[in-house]
Amino acid sequence: MNTVDESLNHLIEAVRNSKEFQDYQIVKAKVEKYPEKKRSLDKYRTRMYKIQNNHGETDLYHHIDEIERESERFRQDALIDEFLTAELALCRMVQRINWTLIEELHFDMEIDMELVKEE
């Protein structure tokens, strides 16, 4: 095993031992005890993903307003709010790791969105 693979394994272990990951695992297990809540969360997260990744959407602001209103109502459930908060903390940590790597390696991440639309 090379140095990068070893370091990657150490990073994975560090993430697994982090408070963010531990909190997420605990609340994820709680949610899984309620299949209806899990289904609702999955539908909500799928919609959020589609909205965030639909670059060609002409009515994006309408969808964002709609999802924000839904989110307020949805988060009134304490367990769902706890899950989404824990998930966001974990995602932000992973994003920070990714962006730090990209920045420190001076990796060129410019993407021509016109080329993406052509595919």
N, C-alpha and C. Protein backbone atom coordinates (compact mmCIF):
# COMPACT_ATOMS: atom_id res chain seq x y z
N MET A 1 0.85 -1.17 0.00
CA MET A 1 0.00 0.00 0.00
C MET A 1 0.90 1.24 0.00
N ASN A 2 0.54 2.23 -0.84
CA ASN A 2 1.37 3.42 -0.91
C ASN A 2 0.95 4.45 0.14
N THR A 3 1.73 5.52 0.24
CA THR A 3 1.53 6.55 1.25
C THR A 3 0.16 7.21 1.13
N VAL A 4 -0.28 7.48 -0.10
CA VAL A 4 -1.58 8.13 -0.30
C VAL A 4 -2.70 7.23 0.20
N ASP A 5 -2.64 5.95 -0.15
CA ASP A 5 -3.67 5.02 0.32
C ASP A 5 -3.68 4.91 1.84
N GLU A 6 -2.52 4.86 2.43
CA GLU A 6 -2.43 4.80 3.90
C GLU A 6 -3.02 6.06 4.52
N SER A 7 -2.67 7.20 3.96
CA SER A 7 -3.20 8.46 4.48
C SER A 7 -4.70 8.55 4.30
N LEU A 8 -5.18 8.07 3.17
CA LEU A 8 -6.62 8.05 2.92
C LEU A 8 -7.33 7.18 3.95
N ASN A 9 -6.76 6.04 4.25
CA ASN A 9 -7.35 5.17 5.27
C ASN A 9 -7.37 5.85 6.64
N HIS A 10 -6.32 6.59 6.96
CA HIS A 10 -6.28 7.34 8.22
C HIS A 10 -7.35 8.44 8.23
N LEU A 11 -7.53 9.11 7.09
CA LEU A 11 -8.55 10.15 6.99
C LEU A 11 -9.94 9.56 7.16
N ILE A 12 -10.19 8.44 6.52
CA ILE A 12 -11.50 7.77 6.66
C ILE A 12 -11.74 7.41 8.12
N GLU A 13 -10.74 6.88 8.78
CA GLU A 13 -10.87 6.53 10.19
C GLU A 13 -11.12 7.78 11.04
N ALA A 14 -10.44 8.87 10.72
CA ALA A 14 -10.64 10.12 11.46
C ALA A 14 -12.06 10.64 11.27
N VAL A 15 -12.58 10.53 10.06
CA VAL A 15 -13.96 10.96 9.80
C VAL A 15 -14.92 10.08 10.58
N ARG A 16 -14.70 8.77 10.54
CA ARG A 16 -15.58 7.85 11.28
C ARG A 16 -15.55 8.12 12.78
N ASN A 17 -14.43 8.60 13.30
CA ASN A 17 -14.32 8.89 14.73
C ASN A 17 -14.74 10.31 15.09
N SER A 18 -15.08 11.10 14.10
CA SER A 18 -15.45 12.49 14.37
C SER A 18 -16.83 12.59 15.03
N LYS A 19 -17.03 13.66 15.74
CA LYS A 19 -18.32 13.92 16.39
C LYS A 19 -19.42 14.02 15.34
N GLU A 20 -19.12 14.66 14.20
CA GLU A 20 -20.12 14.83 13.15
C GLU A 20 -20.62 13.48 12.64
N PHE A 21 -19.69 12.57 12.37
CA PHE A 21 -20.07 11.26 11.86
C PHE A 21 -20.81 10.46 12.92
N GLN A 22 -20.32 10.50 14.15
CA GLN A 22 -20.97 9.75 15.24
C GLN A 22 -22.39 10.26 15.47
N ASP A 23 -22.56 11.59 15.51
CA ASP A 23 -23.90 12.17 15.68
C ASP A 23 -24.83 11.74 14.55
N TYR A 24 -24.31 11.79 13.33
CA TYR A 24 -25.11 11.40 12.17
C TYR A 24 -25.54 9.93 12.28
N GLN A 25 -24.64 9.05 12.64
CA GLN A 25 -24.97 7.63 12.75
C GLN A 25 -26.04 7.37 13.82
N ILE A 26 -25.94 8.09 14.91
CA ILE A 26 -26.91 7.92 16.00
C ILE A 26 -28.31 8.34 15.55
N VAL A 27 -28.40 9.52 14.96
CA VAL A 27 -29.72 10.02 14.56
C VAL A 27 -30.26 9.24 13.34
N LYS A 28 -29.37 8.78 12.48
CA LYS A 28 -29.79 7.95 11.34
C LYS A 28 -30.45 6.67 11.85
N ALA A 29 -29.88 6.05 12.87
CA ALA A 29 -30.47 4.84 13.45
C ALA A 29 -31.84 5.13 14.06
N LYS A 30 -31.99 6.30 14.67
CA LYS A 30 -33.29 6.68 15.23
C LYS A 30 -34.34 6.81 14.13
N VAL A 31 -33.96 7.48 13.04
CA VAL A 31 -34.90 7.71 11.93
C VAL A 31 -35.32 6.39 11.30
N GLU A 32 -34.39 5.46 11.20
CA GLU A 32 -34.69 4.18 10.56
C GLU A 32 -35.74 3.36 11.32
N LYS A 33 -36.01 3.74 12.55
CA LYS A 33 -37.06 3.07 13.33
C LYS A 33 -38.46 3.53 12.91
N TYR A 34 -38.52 4.60 12.10
CA TYR A 34 -39.79 5.17 11.64
C TYR A 34 -39.80 5.20 10.11
N PRO A 35 -40.24 4.09 9.48
CA PRO A 35 -40.18 3.99 8.01
C PRO A 35 -40.87 5.14 7.28
N GLU A 36 -41.98 5.64 7.81
CA GLU A 36 -42.69 6.73 7.13
C GLU A 36 -41.86 8.02 7.16
N LYS A 37 -41.23 8.30 8.29
CA LYS A 37 -40.36 9.47 8.38
C LYS A 37 -39.16 9.31 7.45
N LYS A 38 -38.63 8.10 7.38
CA LYS A 38 -37.48 7.83 6.51
C LYS A 38 -37.86 8.08 5.05
N ARG A 39 -39.04 7.60 4.64
CA ARG A 39 -39.51 7.82 3.28
C ARG A 39 -39.69 9.31 2.98
N SER A 40 -40.27 10.03 3.93
CA SER A 40 -40.47 11.48 3.77
C SER A 40 -39.12 12.19 3.64
N LEU A 41 -38.18 11.82 4.48
CA LEU A 41 -36.84 12.41 4.41
C LEU A 41 -36.18 12.12 3.07
N ASP A 42 -36.29 10.88 2.62
CA ASP A 42 -35.67 10.51 1.35
C ASP A 42 -36.27 11.30 0.19
N LYS A 43 -37.60 11.47 0.19
CA LYS A 43 -38.24 12.25 -0.86
C LYS A 43 -37.78 13.71 -0.80
N TYR A 44 -37.72 14.26 0.38
CA TYR A 44 -37.29 15.65 0.57
C TYR A 44 -35.84 15.83 0.10
N ARG A 45 -34.97 14.94 0.52
CA ARG A 45 -33.55 15.03 0.14
C ARG A 45 -33.37 14.85 -1.36
N THR A 46 -34.16 13.98 -1.98
CA THR A 46 -34.11 13.79 -3.43
C THR A 46 -34.52 15.07 -4.15
N ARG A 47 -35.59 15.69 -3.68
CA ARG A 47 -36.03 16.96 -4.28
C ARG A 47 -34.96 18.02 -4.13
N MET A 48 -34.36 18.11 -2.96
CA MET A 48 -33.30 19.10 -2.74
C MET A 48 -32.14 18.86 -3.69
N TYR A 49 -31.75 17.61 -3.84
CA TYR A 49 -30.65 17.27 -4.74
C TYR A 49 -30.97 17.69 -6.17
N LYS A 50 -32.17 17.36 -6.63
CA LYS A 50 -32.57 17.70 -7.99
C LYS A 50 -32.57 19.21 -8.20
N ILE A 51 -33.09 19.95 -7.24
CA ILE A 51 -33.13 21.41 -7.36
C ILE A 51 -31.71 21.97 -7.39
N GLN A 52 -30.86 21.48 -6.52
CA GLN A 52 -29.49 22.00 -6.43
C GLN A 52 -28.65 21.65 -7.66
N ASN A 53 -29.02 20.60 -8.36
CA ASN A 53 -28.20 20.15 -9.49
C ASN A 53 -28.86 20.33 -10.85
N ASN A 54 -29.97 21.03 -10.91
CA ASN A 54 -30.65 21.28 -12.17
C ASN A 54 -30.28 22.67 -12.66
N HIS A 55 -29.14 22.76 -13.32
CA HIS A 55 -28.60 24.04 -13.76
C HIS A 55 -29.43 24.70 -14.85
N GLY A 56 -30.21 23.94 -15.58
CA GLY A 56 -30.99 24.52 -16.67
C GLY A 56 -32.39 24.95 -16.26
N GLU A 57 -32.72 24.80 -15.01
CA GLU A 57 -34.07 25.13 -14.53
C GLU A 57 -34.33 26.62 -14.68
N THR A 58 -35.42 26.95 -15.36
CA THR A 58 -35.74 28.36 -15.57
C THR A 58 -36.47 28.96 -14.37
N ASP A 59 -37.17 28.15 -13.61
CA ASP A 59 -37.95 28.66 -12.48
C ASP A 59 -37.32 28.23 -11.16
N LEU A 60 -36.01 28.34 -11.07
CA LEU A 60 -35.27 27.88 -9.90
C LEU A 60 -35.71 28.60 -8.63
N TYR A 61 -35.91 29.93 -8.70
CA TYR A 61 -36.29 30.69 -7.51
C TYR A 61 -37.63 30.23 -6.95
N HIS A 62 -38.56 29.88 -7.82
CA HIS A 62 -39.85 29.36 -7.36
C HIS A 62 -39.65 28.06 -6.59
N HIS A 63 -38.84 27.17 -7.13
CA HIS A 63 -38.59 25.89 -6.47
C HIS A 63 -37.88 26.08 -5.13
N ILE A 64 -36.95 27.01 -5.08
CA ILE A 64 -36.23 27.26 -3.82
C ILE A 64 -37.18 27.82 -2.77
N ASP A 65 -38.05 28.76 -3.15
CA ASP A 65 -39.05 29.29 -2.21
C ASP A 65 -39.96 28.19 -1.72
N GLU A 66 -40.39 27.35 -2.63
CA GLU A 66 -41.28 26.24 -2.29
C GLU A 66 -40.62 25.28 -1.30
N ILE A 67 -39.39 24.93 -1.56
CA ILE A 67 -38.69 23.98 -0.69
C ILE A 67 -38.38 24.60 0.66
N GLU A 68 -38.11 25.90 0.71
CA GLU A 68 -37.87 26.57 1.99
C GLU A 68 -39.13 26.55 2.86
N ARG A 69 -40.28 26.79 2.24
CA ARG A 69 -41.55 26.73 3.00
C ARG A 69 -41.80 25.31 3.50
N GLU A 70 -41.56 24.35 2.63
CA GLU A 70 -41.73 22.95 3.01
C GLU A 70 -40.76 22.58 4.13
N SER A 71 -39.54 23.08 4.04
CA SER A 71 -38.52 22.78 5.03
C SER A 71 -38.92 23.28 6.42
N GLU A 72 -39.47 24.48 6.49
CA GLU A 72 -39.90 25.02 7.78
C GLU A 72 -40.93 24.10 8.43
N ARG A 73 -41.90 23.68 7.64
CA ARG A 73 -42.95 22.79 8.14
C ARG A 73 -42.37 21.42 8.49
N PHE A 74 -41.52 20.91 7.62
CA PHE A 74 -40.92 19.59 7.77
C PHE A 74 -40.05 19.52 9.03
N ARG A 75 -39.30 20.58 9.28
CA ARG A 75 -38.36 20.61 10.41
C ARG A 75 -39.05 20.82 11.76
N GLN A 76 -40.35 20.99 11.77
CA GLN A 76 -41.06 21.08 13.04
C GLN A 76 -41.04 19.75 13.78
N ASP A 77 -40.80 18.69 13.04
CA ASP A 77 -40.61 17.38 13.65
C ASP A 77 -39.18 17.35 14.20
N ALA A 78 -39.04 17.20 15.51
CA ALA A 78 -37.73 17.28 16.16
C ALA A 78 -36.73 16.25 15.63
N LEU A 79 -37.19 15.04 15.35
CA LEU A 79 -36.29 13.99 14.86
C LEU A 79 -35.79 14.32 13.44
N ILE A 80 -36.67 14.79 12.60
CA ILE A 80 -36.28 15.15 11.25
C ILE A 80 -35.31 16.33 11.29
N ASP A 81 -35.59 17.31 12.13
CA ASP A 81 -34.69 18.45 12.27
C ASP A 81 -33.32 17.99 12.77
N GLU A 82 -33.31 17.10 13.74
CA GLU A 82 -32.04 16.58 14.26
C GLU A 82 -31.25 15.85 13.18
N PHE A 83 -31.96 15.04 12.37
CA PHE A 83 -31.30 14.31 11.30
C PHE A 83 -30.69 15.26 10.27
N LEU A 84 -31.50 16.21 9.79
CA LEU A 84 -31.02 17.14 8.77
C LEU A 84 -29.87 18.00 9.28
N THR A 85 -29.90 18.36 10.54
CA THR A 85 -28.81 19.14 11.13
C THR A 85 -27.53 18.31 11.19
N ALA A 86 -27.65 17.05 11.61
CA ALA A 86 -26.48 16.16 11.69
C ALA A 86 -25.93 15.86 10.29
N GLU A 87 -26.84 15.64 9.35
CA GLU A 87 -26.41 15.36 7.98
C GLU A 87 -25.67 16.56 7.39
N LEU A 88 -26.18 17.75 7.64
CA LEU A 88 -25.54 18.96 7.12
C LEU A 88 -24.15 19.14 7.72
N ALA A 89 -24.00 18.89 9.02
CA ALA A 89 -22.69 19.02 9.67
C ALA A 89 -21.69 18.04 9.05
N LEU A 90 -22.11 16.82 8.81
CA LEU A 90 -21.23 15.82 8.19
C LEU A 90 -20.88 16.22 6.75
N CYS A 91 -21.87 16.66 6.00
CA CYS A 91 -21.63 17.08 4.61
C CYS A 91 -20.67 18.26 4.55
N ARG A 92 -20.84 19.21 5.46
CA ARG A 92 -19.94 20.37 5.47
C ARG A 92 -18.50 19.95 5.78
N MET A 93 -18.34 18.98 6.67
CA MET A 93 -17.00 18.51 6.98
C MET A 93 -16.37 17.85 5.73
N VAL A 94 -17.13 17.02 5.04
CA VAL A 94 -16.63 16.35 3.85
C VAL A 94 -16.34 17.38 2.75
N GLN A 95 -17.21 18.37 2.60
CA GLN A 95 -16.96 19.43 1.63
C GLN A 95 -15.68 20.19 1.96
N ARG A 96 -15.48 20.48 3.23
CA ARG A 96 -14.28 21.19 3.66
C ARG A 96 -13.03 20.38 3.31
N ILE A 97 -13.08 19.09 3.52
CA ILE A 97 -11.96 18.21 3.17
C ILE A 97 -11.71 18.28 1.66
N ASN A 98 -12.79 18.13 0.88
CA ASN A 98 -12.65 18.16 -0.58
C ASN A 98 -12.09 19.49 -1.07
N TRP A 99 -12.65 20.59 -0.59
CA TRP A 99 -12.20 21.90 -1.06
C TRP A 99 -10.77 22.21 -0.60
N THR A 100 -10.41 21.75 0.56
CA THR A 100 -9.03 21.96 1.02
C THR A 100 -8.06 21.22 0.11
N LEU A 101 -8.39 19.98 -0.24
CA LEU A 101 -7.55 19.22 -1.17
C LEU A 101 -7.44 19.93 -2.51
N ILE A 102 -8.56 20.35 -3.04
CA ILE A 102 -8.58 21.02 -4.35
C ILE A 102 -7.75 22.29 -4.31
N GLU A 103 -7.95 23.10 -3.26
CA GLU A 103 -7.22 24.36 -3.15
C GLU A 103 -5.72 24.14 -2.96
N GLU A 104 -5.37 23.24 -2.08
CA GLU A 104 -3.95 23.03 -1.78
C GLU A 104 -3.20 22.39 -2.93
N LEU A 105 -3.90 21.63 -3.76
CA LEU A 105 -3.27 21.01 -4.92
C LEU A 105 -3.36 21.89 -6.16
N HIS A 106 -4.02 23.04 -6.01
CA HIS A 106 -4.22 23.98 -7.12
C HIS A 106 -4.83 23.26 -8.32
N PHE A 107 -5.84 22.47 -8.01
CA PHE A 107 -6.54 21.67 -9.00
C PHE A 107 -7.51 22.56 -9.75
N ASP A 108 -7.46 22.55 -11.06
CA ASP A 108 -8.31 23.40 -11.90
C ASP A 108 -9.71 22.80 -11.97
N MET A 109 -10.68 23.51 -11.38
CA MET A 109 -12.06 23.01 -11.33
C MET A 109 -13.02 23.83 -12.18
N GLU A 110 -12.50 24.64 -13.08
CA GLU A 110 -13.39 25.43 -13.93
C GLU A 110 -14.11 24.50 -14.89
N ILE A 111 -15.41 24.68 -14.96
CA ILE A 111 -16.24 23.85 -15.82
C ILE A 111 -17.03 24.78 -16.74
N ASP A 112 -17.02 24.48 -18.02
CA ASP A 112 -17.80 25.24 -18.97
C ASP A 112 -19.21 24.67 -18.98
N MET A 113 -20.16 25.39 -18.37
CA MET A 113 -21.53 24.89 -18.23
C MET A 113 -22.20 24.70 -19.60
N GLU A 114 -21.77 25.42 -20.61
CA GLU A 114 -22.32 25.22 -21.95
C GLU A 114 -22.00 23.82 -22.45
N LEU A 115 -20.79 23.33 -22.15
CA LEU A 115 -20.43 21.97 -22.54
C LEU A 115 -21.22 20.95 -21.77
N VAL A 116 -21.50 21.23 -20.51
CA VAL A 116 -22.30 20.31 -19.69
C VAL A 116 -23.70 20.19 -20.27
N LYS A 117 -24.29 21.32 -20.68
CA LYS A 117 -25.65 21.32 -21.24
C LYS A 117 -25.74 20.54 -22.54
N GLU A 118 -24.65 20.50 -23.30
CA GLU A 118 -24.63 19.79 -24.58
C GLU A 118 -24.72 18.29 -24.41
N GLU A 119 -24.28 17.78 -23.29
CA GLU A 119 -24.23 16.32 -23.09
C GLU A 119 -25.59 15.74 -22.82
